[in-house]
Amino acid sequence: MAGLPLTYLSWTRRALDGTRGDAARGLARLSHDLVAGDILLMHDGRCALSPDGWPVVLEMLPRLLDRLAAEGLRAVSLPMALGEAPVASGAAARPDAGAARIASAGYASR
């Protein structure tokens, strides 16, 4: 593997949304003392369901993006954070189910 063009990354916070159906608790795990550079782990497939039957990630993500904006942070993809893709300027649009996959591999930046 040493010869492959790979970059080792690990998350600094995880929502535990793969096993726990509590969006509020997952959001608290992700957003407590959040700082630029944190790498957030959320699942875009096979995540736990809320008591209402929704994937927990879809309940957390809009609230997480609102929290990031309130803190002066924004979510970017890992390729963007690593300088491998351009970082879009301006406020992020409210995600839909299709955007959850991109944002779930998110990185907080200022």
N, C-alpha and C. Protein backbone atom coordinates (compact mmCIF):
# COMPACT_ATOMS: atom_id res chain seq x y z
N MET A 1 0.82 -1.19 0.00
CA MET A 1 0.00 0.00 0.00
C MET A 1 0.86 1.25 0.00
N ALA A 2 2.11 1.13 0.45
CA ALA A 2 2.97 2.30 0.52
C ALA A 2 3.15 2.97 -0.84
N GLY A 3 3.06 2.22 -1.90
CA GLY A 3 3.24 2.79 -3.22
C GLY A 3 1.99 3.41 -3.82
N LEU A 4 0.87 3.28 -3.14
CA LEU A 4 -0.39 3.82 -3.66
C LEU A 4 -0.54 5.30 -3.29
N PRO A 5 -1.20 6.07 -4.12
CA PRO A 5 -1.40 7.49 -3.83
C PRO A 5 -2.55 7.71 -2.83
N LEU A 6 -2.32 7.30 -1.60
CA LEU A 6 -3.35 7.39 -0.57
C LEU A 6 -2.95 8.41 0.49
N THR A 7 -3.94 9.06 1.08
CA THR A 7 -3.73 9.97 2.19
C THR A 7 -4.48 9.42 3.39
N TYR A 8 -3.80 9.24 4.51
CA TYR A 8 -4.45 8.74 5.72
C TYR A 8 -5.20 9.88 6.40
N LEU A 9 -6.46 9.63 6.68
CA LEU A 9 -7.30 10.58 7.41
C LEU A 9 -8.11 9.83 8.44
N SER A 10 -8.43 10.51 9.49
CA SER A 10 -9.31 9.94 10.50
C SER A 10 -10.25 11.04 10.98
N TRP A 11 -11.38 10.65 11.48
CA TRP A 11 -12.34 11.64 11.95
C TRP A 11 -11.95 12.12 13.34
N THR A 12 -12.38 13.33 13.65
CA THR A 12 -12.19 13.86 15.00
C THR A 12 -13.48 13.76 15.81
N ARG A 13 -14.60 13.58 15.11
CA ARG A 13 -15.90 13.44 15.77
C ARG A 13 -16.76 12.49 14.96
N ARG A 14 -17.52 11.69 15.66
CA ARG A 14 -18.46 10.81 14.96
C ARG A 14 -19.81 10.87 15.63
N ALA A 15 -20.84 10.74 14.81
CA ALA A 15 -22.21 10.89 15.29
C ALA A 15 -22.76 9.61 15.92
N LEU A 16 -22.14 8.48 15.62
CA LEU A 16 -22.67 7.16 16.02
C LEU A 16 -24.06 6.94 15.44
N ASP A 17 -24.30 7.53 14.27
CA ASP A 17 -25.61 7.40 13.63
C ASP A 17 -25.78 6.07 12.92
N GLY A 18 -24.76 5.27 12.87
CA GLY A 18 -24.89 3.94 12.27
C GLY A 18 -25.61 2.97 13.20
N THR A 19 -25.60 3.28 14.48
CA THR A 19 -26.19 2.36 15.45
C THR A 19 -27.21 2.99 16.37
N ARG A 20 -27.23 4.31 16.47
CA ARG A 20 -28.13 4.98 17.42
C ARG A 20 -29.11 5.86 16.67
N GLY A 21 -30.36 5.72 16.98
CA GLY A 21 -31.42 6.47 16.31
C GLY A 21 -31.79 7.76 17.00
N ASP A 22 -30.83 8.43 17.63
CA ASP A 22 -31.09 9.66 18.37
C ASP A 22 -30.38 10.82 17.68
N ALA A 23 -31.10 11.56 16.85
CA ALA A 23 -30.50 12.66 16.09
C ALA A 23 -29.96 13.75 17.00
N ALA A 24 -30.66 14.07 18.07
CA ALA A 24 -30.21 15.13 18.97
C ALA A 24 -28.88 14.74 19.62
N ARG A 25 -28.76 13.52 20.03
CA ARG A 25 -27.51 13.06 20.65
C ARG A 25 -26.37 13.04 19.63
N GLY A 26 -26.65 12.59 18.42
CA GLY A 26 -25.62 12.59 17.38
C GLY A 26 -25.17 14.01 17.05
N LEU A 27 -26.12 14.93 16.96
CA LEU A 27 -25.80 16.32 16.69
C LEU A 27 -24.94 16.90 17.82
N ALA A 28 -25.26 16.57 19.04
CA ALA A 28 -24.47 17.05 20.18
C ALA A 28 -23.05 16.51 20.12
N ARG A 29 -22.90 15.24 19.75
CA ARG A 29 -21.56 14.65 19.63
C ARG A 29 -20.74 15.36 18.56
N LEU A 30 -21.38 15.73 17.47
CA LEU A 30 -20.66 16.38 16.37
C LEU A 30 -20.34 17.84 16.64
N SER A 31 -21.21 18.54 17.33
CA SER A 31 -21.10 20.00 17.39
C SER A 31 -20.54 20.55 18.70
N HIS A 32 -20.34 19.75 19.71
CA HIS A 32 -19.81 20.24 20.99
C HIS A 32 -18.36 20.72 20.79
N ASP A 33 -18.10 21.99 21.07
CA ASP A 33 -16.76 22.58 20.93
C ASP A 33 -16.17 22.38 19.54
N LEU A 34 -17.01 22.44 18.53
CA LEU A 34 -16.59 22.26 17.15
C LEU A 34 -15.63 23.37 16.73
N VAL A 35 -14.57 23.00 16.04
CA VAL A 35 -13.58 23.97 15.56
C VAL A 35 -13.26 23.68 14.09
N ALA A 36 -12.75 24.71 13.42
CA ALA A 36 -12.32 24.54 12.03
C ALA A 36 -11.27 23.43 11.99
N GLY A 37 -11.39 22.57 11.00
CA GLY A 37 -10.46 21.45 10.84
C GLY A 37 -10.99 20.14 11.36
N ASP A 38 -12.07 20.17 12.16
CA ASP A 38 -12.66 18.91 12.62
C ASP A 38 -13.16 18.11 11.42
N ILE A 39 -12.96 16.82 11.47
CA ILE A 39 -13.47 15.92 10.44
C ILE A 39 -14.63 15.15 11.07
N LEU A 40 -15.81 15.29 10.49
CA LEU A 40 -17.03 14.72 11.06
C LEU A 40 -17.43 13.46 10.31
N LEU A 41 -17.76 12.42 11.05
CA LEU A 41 -18.18 11.17 10.45
C LEU A 41 -19.67 10.96 10.66
N MET A 42 -20.37 10.85 9.53
CA MET A 42 -21.79 10.52 9.52
C MET A 42 -21.98 9.48 8.44
N HIS A 43 -22.99 8.67 8.57
CA HIS A 43 -23.23 7.60 7.60
C HIS A 43 -24.31 7.98 6.60
N ASP A 44 -24.02 7.75 5.32
CA ASP A 44 -25.02 8.06 4.30
C ASP A 44 -25.79 6.82 3.87
N GLY A 45 -25.44 5.71 4.35
CA GLY A 45 -26.15 4.46 4.06
C GLY A 45 -26.11 3.56 5.29
N ARG A 46 -27.12 2.79 5.44
CA ARG A 46 -27.22 1.88 6.58
C ARG A 46 -27.09 2.56 7.93
N CYS A 47 -27.60 3.79 8.01
CA CYS A 47 -27.58 4.46 9.30
C CYS A 47 -28.84 4.07 10.07
N ALA A 48 -28.82 4.36 11.35
CA ALA A 48 -29.96 4.07 12.20
C ALA A 48 -31.14 4.95 11.80
N LEU A 49 -32.32 4.51 12.17
CA LEU A 49 -33.53 5.27 11.90
C LEU A 49 -34.00 5.95 13.18
N SER A 50 -34.58 7.13 13.01
CA SER A 50 -35.15 7.86 14.14
C SER A 50 -36.45 7.16 14.55
N PRO A 51 -37.03 7.54 15.69
CA PRO A 51 -38.32 6.97 16.07
C PRO A 51 -39.41 7.23 15.02
N ASP A 52 -39.24 8.28 14.20
CA ASP A 52 -40.20 8.58 13.14
C ASP A 52 -39.93 7.78 11.87
N GLY A 53 -38.87 6.97 11.86
CA GLY A 53 -38.56 6.14 10.71
C GLY A 53 -37.66 6.78 9.67
N TRP A 54 -37.13 7.98 9.94
CA TRP A 54 -36.23 8.67 9.02
C TRP A 54 -34.79 8.29 9.32
N PRO A 55 -33.94 8.23 8.28
CA PRO A 55 -32.51 8.04 8.56
C PRO A 55 -32.01 9.18 9.45
N VAL A 56 -31.31 8.84 10.50
CA VAL A 56 -30.85 9.83 11.47
C VAL A 56 -30.02 10.92 10.79
N VAL A 57 -29.21 10.55 9.82
CA VAL A 57 -28.35 11.53 9.15
C VAL A 57 -29.19 12.63 8.50
N LEU A 58 -30.36 12.31 7.98
CA LEU A 58 -31.20 13.31 7.33
C LEU A 58 -31.86 14.23 8.35
N GLU A 59 -31.99 13.78 9.58
CA GLU A 59 -32.51 14.65 10.63
C GLU A 59 -31.40 15.53 11.19
N MET A 60 -30.18 15.00 11.25
CA MET A 60 -29.05 15.76 11.81
C MET A 60 -28.48 16.79 10.86
N LEU A 61 -28.36 16.44 9.59
CA LEU A 61 -27.59 17.25 8.66
C LEU A 61 -28.07 18.69 8.53
N PRO A 62 -29.35 18.96 8.33
CA PRO A 62 -29.77 20.38 8.25
C PRO A 62 -29.44 21.16 9.52
N ARG A 63 -29.65 20.53 10.66
CA ARG A 63 -29.35 21.21 11.93
C ARG A 63 -27.85 21.41 12.11
N LEU A 64 -27.05 20.44 11.67
CA LEU A 64 -25.60 20.57 11.75
C LEU A 64 -25.12 21.72 10.87
N LEU A 65 -25.64 21.81 9.65
CA LEU A 65 -25.23 22.90 8.76
C LEU A 65 -25.64 24.25 9.32
N ASP A 66 -26.80 24.33 9.96
CA ASP A 66 -27.22 25.57 10.62
C ASP A 66 -26.26 25.92 11.75
N ARG A 67 -25.86 24.92 12.52
CA ARG A 67 -24.93 25.13 13.63
C ARG A 67 -23.57 25.61 13.11
N LEU A 68 -23.09 24.99 12.05
CA LEU A 68 -21.82 25.41 11.45
C LEU A 68 -21.89 26.88 11.04
N ALA A 69 -22.98 27.24 10.35
CA ALA A 69 -23.14 28.62 9.90
C ALA A 69 -23.17 29.59 11.09
N ALA A 70 -23.84 29.22 12.15
CA ALA A 70 -23.92 30.07 13.34
C ALA A 70 -22.55 30.26 13.98
N GLU A 71 -21.68 29.28 13.83
CA GLU A 71 -20.34 29.35 14.39
C GLU A 71 -19.33 29.97 13.42
N GLY A 72 -19.80 30.38 12.24
CA GLY A 72 -18.90 30.94 11.24
C GLY A 72 -18.08 29.88 10.52
N LEU A 73 -18.54 28.64 10.56
CA LEU A 73 -17.87 27.54 9.89
C LEU A 73 -18.68 27.11 8.68
N ARG A 74 -18.07 26.32 7.82
CA ARG A 74 -18.82 25.75 6.70
C ARG A 74 -18.32 24.34 6.47
N ALA A 75 -19.17 23.52 5.89
CA ALA A 75 -18.81 22.15 5.57
C ALA A 75 -18.21 22.11 4.18
N VAL A 76 -17.11 21.41 4.05
CA VAL A 76 -16.51 21.17 2.75
C VAL A 76 -16.19 19.68 2.66
N SER A 77 -16.07 19.19 1.45
CA SER A 77 -15.71 17.78 1.27
C SER A 77 -14.24 17.58 1.61
N LEU A 78 -13.86 16.35 1.85
CA LEU A 78 -12.45 16.08 2.13
C LEU A 78 -11.55 16.46 0.96
N PRO A 79 -11.93 16.17 -0.30
CA PRO A 79 -11.07 16.64 -1.40
C PRO A 79 -10.88 18.15 -1.39
N MET A 80 -11.93 18.89 -1.03
CA MET A 80 -11.80 20.35 -0.95
C MET A 80 -10.83 20.74 0.17
N ALA A 81 -10.97 20.10 1.32
CA ALA A 81 -10.11 20.41 2.47
C ALA A 81 -8.65 20.10 2.19
N LEU A 82 -8.41 19.09 1.38
CA LEU A 82 -7.04 18.68 1.04
C LEU A 82 -6.48 19.45 -0.15
N GLY A 83 -7.29 20.36 -0.70
CA GLY A 83 -6.83 21.14 -1.84
C GLY A 83 -6.88 20.39 -3.15
N GLU A 84 -7.61 19.28 -3.18
CA GLU A 84 -7.72 18.48 -4.40
C GLU A 84 -8.92 18.86 -5.24
N ALA A 85 -9.76 19.75 -4.73
CA ALA A 85 -10.95 20.22 -5.45
C ALA A 85 -11.19 21.66 -5.01
N PRO A 86 -11.75 22.48 -5.89
CA PRO A 86 -12.00 23.88 -5.51
C PRO A 86 -13.06 23.97 -4.42
N VAL A 87 -12.87 24.92 -3.52
CA VAL A 87 -13.84 25.18 -2.46
C VAL A 87 -14.83 26.21 -2.97
N ALA A 88 -16.12 25.86 -2.96
CA ALA A 88 -17.17 26.78 -3.41
C ALA A 88 -17.31 27.91 -2.41
N SER A 89 -17.56 29.10 -2.91
CA SER A 89 -17.78 30.24 -2.02
C SER A 89 -19.27 30.42 -1.79
N GLY A 90 -19.60 31.17 -0.77
CA GLY A 90 -21.00 31.44 -0.47
C GLY A 90 -21.59 30.40 0.46
N ALA A 91 -22.82 30.63 0.85
CA ALA A 91 -23.50 29.74 1.78
C ALA A 91 -23.92 28.46 1.07
N ALA A 92 -23.85 27.38 1.79
CA ALA A 92 -24.27 26.09 1.25
C ALA A 92 -25.79 26.02 1.19
N ALA A 93 -26.29 25.41 0.15
CA ALA A 93 -27.73 25.21 0.03
C ALA A 93 -28.18 24.14 1.00
N ARG A 94 -29.42 24.18 1.38
CA ARG A 94 -29.97 23.15 2.24
C ARG A 94 -29.86 21.82 1.52
N PRO A 95 -29.25 20.81 2.18
CA PRO A 95 -29.02 19.55 1.47
C PRO A 95 -30.30 18.74 1.30
N ASP A 96 -30.30 17.91 0.31
CA ASP A 96 -31.35 16.93 0.15
C ASP A 96 -30.72 15.56 0.34
N ALA A 97 -31.45 14.52 0.16
CA ALA A 97 -30.91 13.17 0.39
C ALA A 97 -29.70 12.90 -0.48
N GLY A 98 -29.66 13.42 -1.70
CA GLY A 98 -28.53 13.21 -2.57
C GLY A 98 -27.27 13.91 -2.09
N ALA A 99 -27.44 15.05 -1.43
CA ALA A 99 -26.29 15.79 -0.94
C ALA A 99 -25.74 15.22 0.35
N ALA A 100 -26.53 14.40 1.04
CA ALA A 100 -26.08 13.88 2.33
C ALA A 100 -24.82 13.06 2.18
N ARG A 101 -24.66 12.33 1.09
CA ARG A 101 -23.49 11.51 0.91
C ARG A 101 -22.23 12.37 0.86
N ILE A 102 -22.27 13.49 0.18
CA ILE A 102 -21.10 14.36 0.09
C ILE A 102 -20.82 15.00 1.43
N ALA A 103 -21.84 15.55 2.03
CA ALA A 103 -21.64 16.26 3.28
C ALA A 103 -21.29 15.33 4.44
N SER A 104 -21.64 14.07 4.34
CA SER A 104 -21.35 13.17 5.45
C SER A 104 -19.87 12.90 5.59
N ALA A 105 -19.10 13.14 4.54
CA ALA A 105 -17.65 13.04 4.63
C ALA A 105 -17.13 14.47 4.75
N GLY A 106 -17.67 15.19 5.71
CA GLY A 106 -17.42 16.62 5.78
C GLY A 106 -16.22 17.01 6.60
N TYR A 107 -15.82 18.24 6.43
CA TYR A 107 -14.68 18.83 7.08
C TYR A 107 -15.09 20.26 7.38
N ALA A 108 -14.93 20.69 8.60
CA ALA A 108 -15.33 22.05 8.97
C ALA A 108 -14.19 23.01 8.72
N SER A 109 -14.48 24.10 8.04
CA SER A 109 -13.44 25.12 7.81
C SER A 109 -14.03 26.49 7.99
N ARG A 110 -13.17 27.47 8.17
CA ARG A 110 -13.59 28.88 8.26
C ARG A 110 -13.43 29.52 6.92
